[in-house]
Amino acid sequence: MIPRILVIAGSDSGGGAGIQADIKTITMLGGYAATAVTAVTVQNTLGVAAIHGIPPAIVEGQIRAVLDDIGADAIKIGMLGDAATIEAVARGLEGVSVPIVLDPVMVAKGGASLLQDDAVDRLVRLLVPRATLLTPNVPELELLSGSDVTDEADMLLAAQELLAAGPGAVLAKGGHLEGEMVVDWLVTRNGQQRFETPRIITRHTHGTGCTLSSAIAAGLAAGLPLAVAIERARSYLLSALAAAPGLGQGHGPLGHGFALP
């Protein structure tokens, strides 16, 4: 059966991130994407102009409708927005035992806040412990751990601190750090693994976090070991960055449909 991935995230009207990037990525990697939309954003490559949250009961209803009928082999969680939505997602996932990839989306590429301040505690308490993998970037690492992250050593230490919050593993993403190489660290209770790829210099980076987390979820849904799923996802992301079509005046979208799976 085709790997089934339920994506719980917000919609990006520009098509570069969020649900749109998730569906493109999962499809390219041979999976079937179902969705529970948490918010509708008004955005393009220049930034986010407005956010309209979906009622929490509808978010929970979408999750249950998909799981009760189609089912899921893995779940990817992205933008949640507020505490009430986080609680609704937690209720919707009660009893679910498939791998969960949690991308703690907090700030958009252009700087707009995508998670209310009072929701961070709820995220850490209700969803982080359920995650098979948590995938924070450097700003998210700092917000969640309360530590400054200025180099690779800081990133690794913050990831180890976050592991104490209960997730099965943490993939600390180093794209925000300077350097010719992009380094990510996978931290588990059994050890750690370093991933490194050359940095592609481009302004077309909108949706990189969504793409990577969905690609990992697609790999886990297909039965790949975690490290292998991460390696394949990073390779796909690199290919999608290189294939960016050059759309928009700001942070443009990746070339999801032109990248090698």
Protein backbone atom coordinates (compact mmCIF):
# COMPACT_ATOMS: atom_id res chain seq x y z
CA MET A 1 0.00 0.00 0.00
CA ILE A 2 1.18 3.53 -0.73
CA PRO A 3 2.64 5.22 2.40
CA ARG A 4 -0.02 7.47 3.94
CA ILE A 5 1.00 10.72 5.63
CA LEU A 6 -1.41 12.98 7.51
CA VAL A 7 -0.16 16.56 7.47
CA ILE A 8 -1.45 18.91 10.18
CA ALA A 9 -0.37 22.43 9.21
CA GLY A 10 -1.34 25.83 7.83
CA SER A 11 -2.01 26.85 4.23
CA ASP A 12 0.35 29.16 2.33
CA SER A 13 -1.42 31.10 -0.42
CA GLY A 14 1.94 31.58 -2.17
CA GLY A 15 2.35 27.82 -2.45
CA GLY A 16 5.92 27.72 -1.21
CA ALA A 17 5.52 26.48 2.35
CA GLY A 18 2.91 24.93 4.63
CA ILE A 19 0.36 22.42 3.38
CA GLN A 20 1.21 23.17 -0.24
CA ALA A 21 4.91 22.35 0.19
CA ASP A 22 4.01 19.30 2.27
CA ILE A 23 1.73 17.82 -0.39
CA LYS A 24 4.24 18.44 -3.19
CA THR A 25 7.08 16.87 -1.21
CA ILE A 26 5.16 13.80 -0.11
CA THR A 27 3.82 13.23 -3.62
CA MET A 28 7.29 13.48 -5.17
CA LEU A 29 8.60 10.96 -2.65
CA GLY A 30 5.91 8.41 -3.45
CA GLY A 31 3.52 8.98 -0.57
CA TYR A 32 -0.15 9.90 -0.23
CA ALA A 33 -0.79 13.18 1.61
CA ALA A 34 -3.98 13.83 3.55
CA THR A 35 -4.38 17.08 5.47
CA ALA A 36 -5.83 18.81 8.48
CA VAL A 37 -5.60 22.54 7.84
CA THR A 38 -4.94 24.60 10.99
CA ALA A 39 -4.89 28.10 9.48
CA VAL A 40 -5.21 30.01 6.23
CA THR A 41 -2.48 32.57 5.68
CA VAL A 42 -2.43 35.53 3.33
CA GLN A 43 1.16 35.48 2.12
CA ASN A 44 3.54 35.54 -0.79
CA THR A 45 7.32 35.55 -1.12
CA LEU A 46 7.46 39.01 0.53
CA GLY A 47 5.81 37.98 3.79
CA VAL A 48 2.66 37.16 5.73
CA ALA A 49 -0.09 39.80 5.63
CA ALA A 50 -2.80 38.02 7.65
CA ILE A 51 -3.61 34.73 9.39
CA HIS A 52 -7.05 33.21 9.84
CA GLY A 53 -7.13 30.30 12.27
CA ILE A 54 -9.44 27.36 11.59
CA PRO A 55 -11.80 26.62 14.53
CA PRO A 56 -10.15 24.01 16.80
CA ALA A 57 -13.14 21.68 16.58
CA ILE A 58 -12.79 21.64 12.78
CA VAL A 59 -9.05 20.91 13.08
CA GLU A 60 -9.77 18.00 15.38
CA GLY A 61 -12.57 16.85 13.10
CA GLN A 62 -10.28 16.80 10.06
CA ILE A 63 -7.76 14.66 11.94
CA ARG A 64 -10.37 12.16 13.07
CA ALA A 65 -12.03 12.01 9.64
CA VAL A 66 -8.74 11.09 7.96
CA LEU A 67 -7.61 8.61 10.59
CA ASP A 68 -10.99 6.89 10.86
CA ASP A 69 -11.20 6.23 7.12
CA ILE A 70 -7.93 6.55 5.21
CA GLY A 71 -5.55 6.01 8.11
CA ALA A 72 -1.93 7.13 8.33
CA ASP A 73 1.49 5.52 8.44
CA ALA A 74 3.10 8.72 9.71
CA ILE A 75 2.03 12.19 10.77
CA LYS A 76 3.73 15.52 10.12
CA ILE A 77 2.77 18.50 12.31
CA GLY A 78 3.65 22.04 11.23
CA MET A 79 2.05 25.42 11.95
CA LEU A 80 -0.44 25.30 14.84
CA GLY A 81 -0.89 28.97 15.73
CA ASP A 82 -2.40 28.98 19.20
CA ALA A 83 -2.95 26.99 22.38
CA ALA A 84 -6.51 25.96 21.53
CA THR A 85 -5.38 24.43 18.23
CA ILE A 86 -2.55 22.57 19.97
CA GLU A 87 -5.06 21.12 22.44
CA ALA A 88 -7.36 20.11 19.56
CA VAL A 89 -4.49 18.35 17.76
CA ALA A 90 -3.52 16.54 20.96
CA ARG A 91 -7.11 15.30 21.35
CA GLY A 92 -7.28 14.23 17.72
CA LEU A 93 -4.10 12.19 18.06
CA GLU A 94 -5.11 10.31 21.21
CA GLY A 95 -4.32 6.65 20.76
CA VAL A 96 -2.25 7.21 17.61
CA SER A 97 0.92 5.10 17.54
CA VAL A 98 2.48 5.89 14.13
CA PRO A 99 5.65 8.02 13.82
CA ILE A 100 5.08 11.75 14.34
CA VAL A 101 7.41 14.40 12.92
CA LEU A 102 6.86 17.71 14.72
CA ASP A 103 8.22 20.82 13.02
CA PRO A 104 7.78 23.54 15.71
CA VAL A 105 6.86 26.35 13.31
CA MET A 106 7.10 29.62 15.21
CA VAL A 107 8.31 32.34 12.83
CA ALA A 108 7.79 32.71 9.07
CA LYS A 109 10.74 33.23 6.72
CA GLY A 110 9.89 36.93 6.52
CA GLY A 111 9.76 37.31 10.30
CA ALA A 112 6.01 37.08 11.03
CA SER A 113 5.09 35.22 14.22
CA LEU A 114 3.21 31.97 13.52
CA LEU A 115 2.81 30.75 17.11
CA GLN A 116 1.36 32.82 19.93
CA ASP A 117 3.62 33.25 22.97
CA ASP A 118 1.21 31.54 25.37
CA ALA A 119 1.09 28.49 23.11
CA VAL A 120 4.75 27.51 23.47
CA ASP A 121 4.23 25.91 26.88
CA ARG A 122 1.24 23.96 25.58
CA LEU A 123 3.29 22.74 22.61
CA VAL A 124 6.10 21.50 24.86
CA ARG A 125 3.70 19.85 27.30
CA LEU A 126 1.15 18.26 24.95
CA LEU A 127 2.87 17.50 21.64
CA VAL A 128 6.64 17.46 22.03
CA PRO A 129 6.57 14.29 24.20
CA ARG A 130 4.48 12.54 21.50
CA ALA A 131 6.92 13.34 18.72
CA THR A 132 9.08 10.65 17.20
CA LEU A 133 11.22 13.48 15.85
CA LEU A 134 11.35 17.20 16.65
CA THR A 135 12.89 19.36 13.88
CA PRO A 136 13.72 22.86 15.19
CA ASN A 137 15.87 25.38 13.34
CA VAL A 138 18.22 27.68 15.26
CA PRO A 139 15.65 30.37 16.24
CA GLU A 140 13.22 27.64 17.33
CA LEU A 141 15.98 25.91 19.29
CA GLU A 142 16.64 29.15 21.12
CA LEU A 143 12.95 29.74 21.91
CA LEU A 144 12.32 26.19 23.07
CA SER A 145 15.53 25.69 25.05
CA GLY A 146 15.98 29.23 26.35
CA SER A 147 19.64 29.13 25.25
CA ASP A 148 21.59 31.25 22.80
CA VAL A 149 22.73 29.30 19.75
CA THR A 150 25.65 30.90 17.93
CA ASP A 151 27.61 27.90 16.70
CA GLU A 152 27.45 24.17 16.11
CA ALA A 153 28.37 23.30 19.70
CA ASP A 154 25.52 25.48 21.03
CA MET A 155 23.13 23.82 18.59
CA LEU A 156 24.08 20.35 19.76
CA LEU A 157 23.78 21.30 23.42
CA ALA A 158 20.34 22.87 22.91
CA ALA A 159 19.17 19.75 21.07
CA GLN A 160 20.31 17.60 23.97
CA GLU A 161 18.38 19.84 26.36
CA LEU A 162 15.24 19.53 24.24
CA LEU A 163 15.54 15.75 24.27
CA ALA A 164 14.78 15.95 28.00
CA ALA A 165 11.32 17.35 27.11
CA GLY A 166 10.33 13.90 25.87
CA PRO A 167 10.59 13.55 22.09
CA GLY A 168 12.08 10.36 20.69
CA ALA A 169 14.75 12.35 18.86
CA VAL A 170 15.70 15.92 17.93
CA LEU A 171 17.05 17.03 14.55
CA ALA A 172 18.67 20.41 15.15
CA LYS A 173 18.89 22.25 11.82
CA GLY A 174 21.84 24.57 11.30
CA GLY A 175 20.80 26.44 8.18
CA HIS A 176 20.70 29.76 10.06
CA LEU A 177 24.35 29.47 11.12
CA GLU A 178 27.07 30.88 8.91
CA GLY A 179 29.40 28.71 6.88
CA GLU A 180 29.89 27.06 3.51
CA MET A 181 28.32 23.85 4.79
CA VAL A 182 24.89 23.32 6.34
CA VAL A 183 25.18 21.06 9.39
CA ASP A 184 22.31 19.31 11.16
CA TRP A 185 22.59 17.18 14.29
CA LEU A 186 20.36 14.21 15.07
CA VAL A 187 20.28 13.61 18.82
CA THR A 188 18.71 10.49 20.31
CA ARG A 189 18.96 8.69 23.62
CA ASN A 190 21.31 6.23 21.93
CA GLY A 191 23.73 8.79 20.56
CA GLN A 192 24.05 11.49 17.93
CA GLN A 193 24.75 11.80 14.22
CA ARG A 194 26.04 14.73 12.17
CA PHE A 195 24.74 15.52 8.68
CA GLU A 196 26.53 17.95 6.36
CA THR A 197 25.78 19.29 2.88
CA PRO A 198 27.16 22.21 0.83
CA ARG A 199 25.22 25.45 1.24
CA ILE A 200 23.38 26.64 -1.86
CA ILE A 201 23.48 30.44 -1.99
CA THR A 202 19.99 31.53 -3.00
CA ARG A 203 17.13 33.70 -1.79
CA HIS A 204 14.67 31.00 -2.83
CA THR A 205 14.48 29.19 0.50
CA HIS A 206 10.80 29.56 1.40
CA GLY A 207 9.43 26.30 2.78
CA THR A 208 12.71 24.51 3.50
CA GLY A 209 11.62 23.45 6.98
CA CYS A 210 8.22 22.23 5.81
CA THR A 211 9.82 20.34 2.95
CA LEU A 212 12.42 18.62 5.11
CA SER A 213 9.99 17.53 7.83
CA SER A 214 7.45 16.22 5.31
CA ALA A 215 10.17 14.36 3.43
CA ILE A 216 11.28 12.73 6.67
CA ALA A 217 7.68 11.78 7.51
CA ALA A 218 7.31 10.25 4.04
CA GLY A 219 10.41 8.16 4.67
CA LEU A 220 9.21 6.97 8.07
CA ALA A 221 5.81 6.12 6.58
CA ALA A 222 7.59 3.94 4.03
CA GLY A 223 9.39 2.09 6.81
CA LEU A 224 12.84 3.69 6.48
CA PRO A 225 15.01 3.90 9.61
CA LEU A 226 15.11 7.42 11.05
CA ALA A 227 18.67 8.27 9.98
CA VAL A 228 18.05 6.93 6.47
CA ALA A 229 14.81 8.93 6.19
CA ILE A 230 16.68 12.07 7.25
CA GLU A 231 19.49 11.45 4.76
CA ARG A 232 17.03 10.97 1.89
CA ALA A 233 15.02 14.03 2.96
CA ARG A 234 18.13 16.23 3.07
CA SER A 235 19.14 15.04 -0.40
CA TYR A 236 15.69 15.85 -1.75
CA LEU A 237 15.76 19.29 -0.10
CA LEU A 238 19.15 20.06 -1.63
CA SER A 239 17.84 19.05 -5.05
CA ALA A 240 14.69 21.18 -4.59
CA LEU A 241 16.79 24.21 -3.60
CA ALA A 242 18.94 23.79 -6.70
CA ALA A 243 15.80 23.48 -8.85
CA ALA A 244 14.05 26.60 -7.47
CA PRO A 245 12.09 28.21 -10.34
CA GLY A 246 12.96 31.79 -9.30
CA LEU A 247 9.42 32.95 -8.59
CA GLY A 248 8.53 36.04 -6.59
CA GLN A 249 10.37 39.13 -5.40
CA GLY A 250 11.33 37.86 -1.96
CA HIS A 251 12.00 34.45 -0.43
CA GLY A 252 10.91 32.33 -3.38
CA PRO A 253 9.62 28.73 -3.37
CA LEU A 254 11.65 25.60 -3.95
CA GLY A 255 11.47 23.50 -7.09
CA HIS A 256 9.59 20.59 -5.51
CA GLY A 257 8.37 19.17 -8.80
CA PHE A 258 11.74 19.42 -10.49
CA ALA A 259 13.80 17.81 -7.75
CA LEU A 260 15.01 14.24 -7.77
CA PRO A 261 13.29 12.11 -5.11
